[in-house]
Amino acid sequence: MKTIIPICFLVFFSYIRCQILQTSLLHTVLESGKSNIKMLADSETATQHVNIQNYMEENLRDLTSIMTAQFLQKATYEEIQTVVKQLLDFAEKCKNFESHVSAAECAHQLMINFLEHICNNQGMLAKHLFTDCCNTNITARLKCFLAYKKGDGDYRDEFQSPRPEKICEMDKENQLSTKERYSFEISRRHPFLYGPTILTMSACYKTAIQSCCQEEDKMECLQIKLEPIRKYIREISLRHHHLCEIGIKFNHKVAKAVELVLLTKKQPKANFSEIAKLTTDVKNLHKTCCEGNTVACALGRSQLMNYTCSKQTVLSSKISQCCELPVPFRGECIINSENEDKPDLSSLPLSRFLYEYSRRHPELAVPVILRVEAKYKNLLEKCCKLENPLECYSHTKEMFQRVVQESRDHVKTYCDLYEKLGHSNFHDRLIILYTKKVPQLSAQELVVFTKQMAAAASRCCPQSDQQQFVCIEDSAKLILGALCRRHEVEPVNTGVGHCCDDSYAFRKPCFDELQVYETYVSPSLSCDQVISFKEDLCKAQKKELQIEKQKLLSNLVKQKPSATEVQFQSVLGDFMHLVEMCCHAEKSDMCFQKEGSKLIEKCQSVLEG
């Protein structure tokens, strides 16, 4: 059973396996949380979840609270509880699940009642600006409400737990309230994070609190046990949002293709009919969860996991121990179970290509497999028009290898540059590159966007060539997905729009090849407007000062994109030296005024050169 001990720290609803996250969480949990996890597995919460009905009954209030908080992100905890109490009069009827159909219908009706309740409350309409949504029919109303959800990027204030003494006192007085408040904070900050995931992470949070409150050094214990939870929530929330974007932006064929590849990679011995059925079921489940119906999401997920366990002999030999676990831990375990061993497959049948190719190449990232499929379809169209199509088909293997190798080579070049420049200089290079490609973004946005790319490089590039390849591709799809959602809200430029909308499979190569946006004209700023000397610089932490330097770099590139990197770095170096010197001076303001003028002159000469 050792392989499933760390499951409460590995909530992963989508079938995307993040190797880095999993490794770091496993290490943290195995080293510091074995007894903590055992306590959770043995707790009343786990043992009571003997089947779907009990699970739904016990968690109906929590699921309704999550749904409400994700839609009403500005509401207080007390306001959410008031709404939930009113909704539960109807929700109680959902406890009497006579069949899967009635349960699904009840969950759907709960969402309708929720939206109607909000529309009938003038105070909430005014606070959350939903008036226009309420003037539409029910289908359009839900889409409208979803459009008002603020993504993770709009809630940068991560939930900070109270001081250890206070949190232990709160937990002692009311353990349920501690868990519910945490669930509330996570829900409103991560409105696209699936409800079942929030439920499980809240249980892990509660268990960590109970464990650490028994320790002498409570602060250190909480830091060790809560950091993996925080990190995981950030990552999985981004993944869930990404899955929702695929379902909305691209047609249903793309969403099904992604799921088919993921499921086939995980269960390569399963026959095509089973994979096809699961693909449709999982795609539909993602749609339900993305629409914010947490009750239906939890119900659908439990049903899907029950079906999977009933088909163990057909699907996978790796999930037998998982299927012995109670709901909801069964689902977490199955989703994070190892991929089934690759079957012995020789020739590649040309029918059902995506399924067959994925079975043979579980080591490749989803976007890469989708690129191969796209090229394969193009080849078929070309060959079918020729007099000798068989001779044309004979080159398919070389074509597959070429597509994979091109993607692999680009990642290797990327990582070689990271190794050569080092993290800080690599990040600066990305800022310069993407400021030229998407100058319409603010300096702050460009710094954050490229910071994510640099972080991915630092995480992925030290790995082996094969893991490096998958890691970079997997990270890029999430980072670029976030940029594309930003473009949806406020269009950036035509190049970004083309890359975001044209092809999911080729989104990364498109951004890699994106050219400098030549026609952009930046608002004219002089160097004394670009460089800000303020006493706050002396109070800034090292990270904050680094951000100021990088924002300066982006603004300089916008003003003079033709300047060399050496010229930019010279100005930045003088800026950092000046800050250090003046912050140690007796009168820093006078130092900035006197010495700053020299830097302004140097900067101006670069912009005017």
Foldseek 3Di string as FASTA:
>chain_A
DVVLQLLLLQFFQALDDQVLLVVVSVVLCVVFPNVLSVCLQPDPVFVQQFALLSVCQVCVLLLQLLLQCLLQLVDDPVVSNVLSVVLVVLVVVLSPDPDLVVNLVSLVVSVVVSLVVQQVDVVNCVVQVLVVLSVDDPVSSLVSSLVSGDALVVCPPQDDDPDLVVLLVVCVVPLVVSLSVQLSRLSSNQSQQASLSSNSLSSQLSSQSVVLNVDPCSVVSCCSRCVSSSVNSVVSSLVLVLLLCCPPQDDPVSSLLLQLLSQCLQFVQADPVVSSVLSVLVSVLSVVRRSSSNSSNQSSLSVSLVVCQVCCVRGHPQLVVLVVTGPPSSSSCVSNTHRHDQDDDDDQDPPPRSSRVSSVCSLAASLLSVVLVVVVVVLQVVLVVDPHSVVSVVCSVVSSVVSVVVLLVVLVVLLVVCVVQDLLRSLLVQLLQVCQLQVQDALLVSSVLSVLLSVLSVSQSVDPSSSSSNSNVVSVLSSLSVVVVVCVVPNGDPQSVCLSNPDSSCSVVSVVPRDGPVPDQDDDDALPVLDDDDPVLLVDDPVVVSSSLSSSLSVLCNLPVPFDPVLSVVLSVVVVVQSVVLSPDPHSVVSCVVVVVVSSVSSRVRSVD
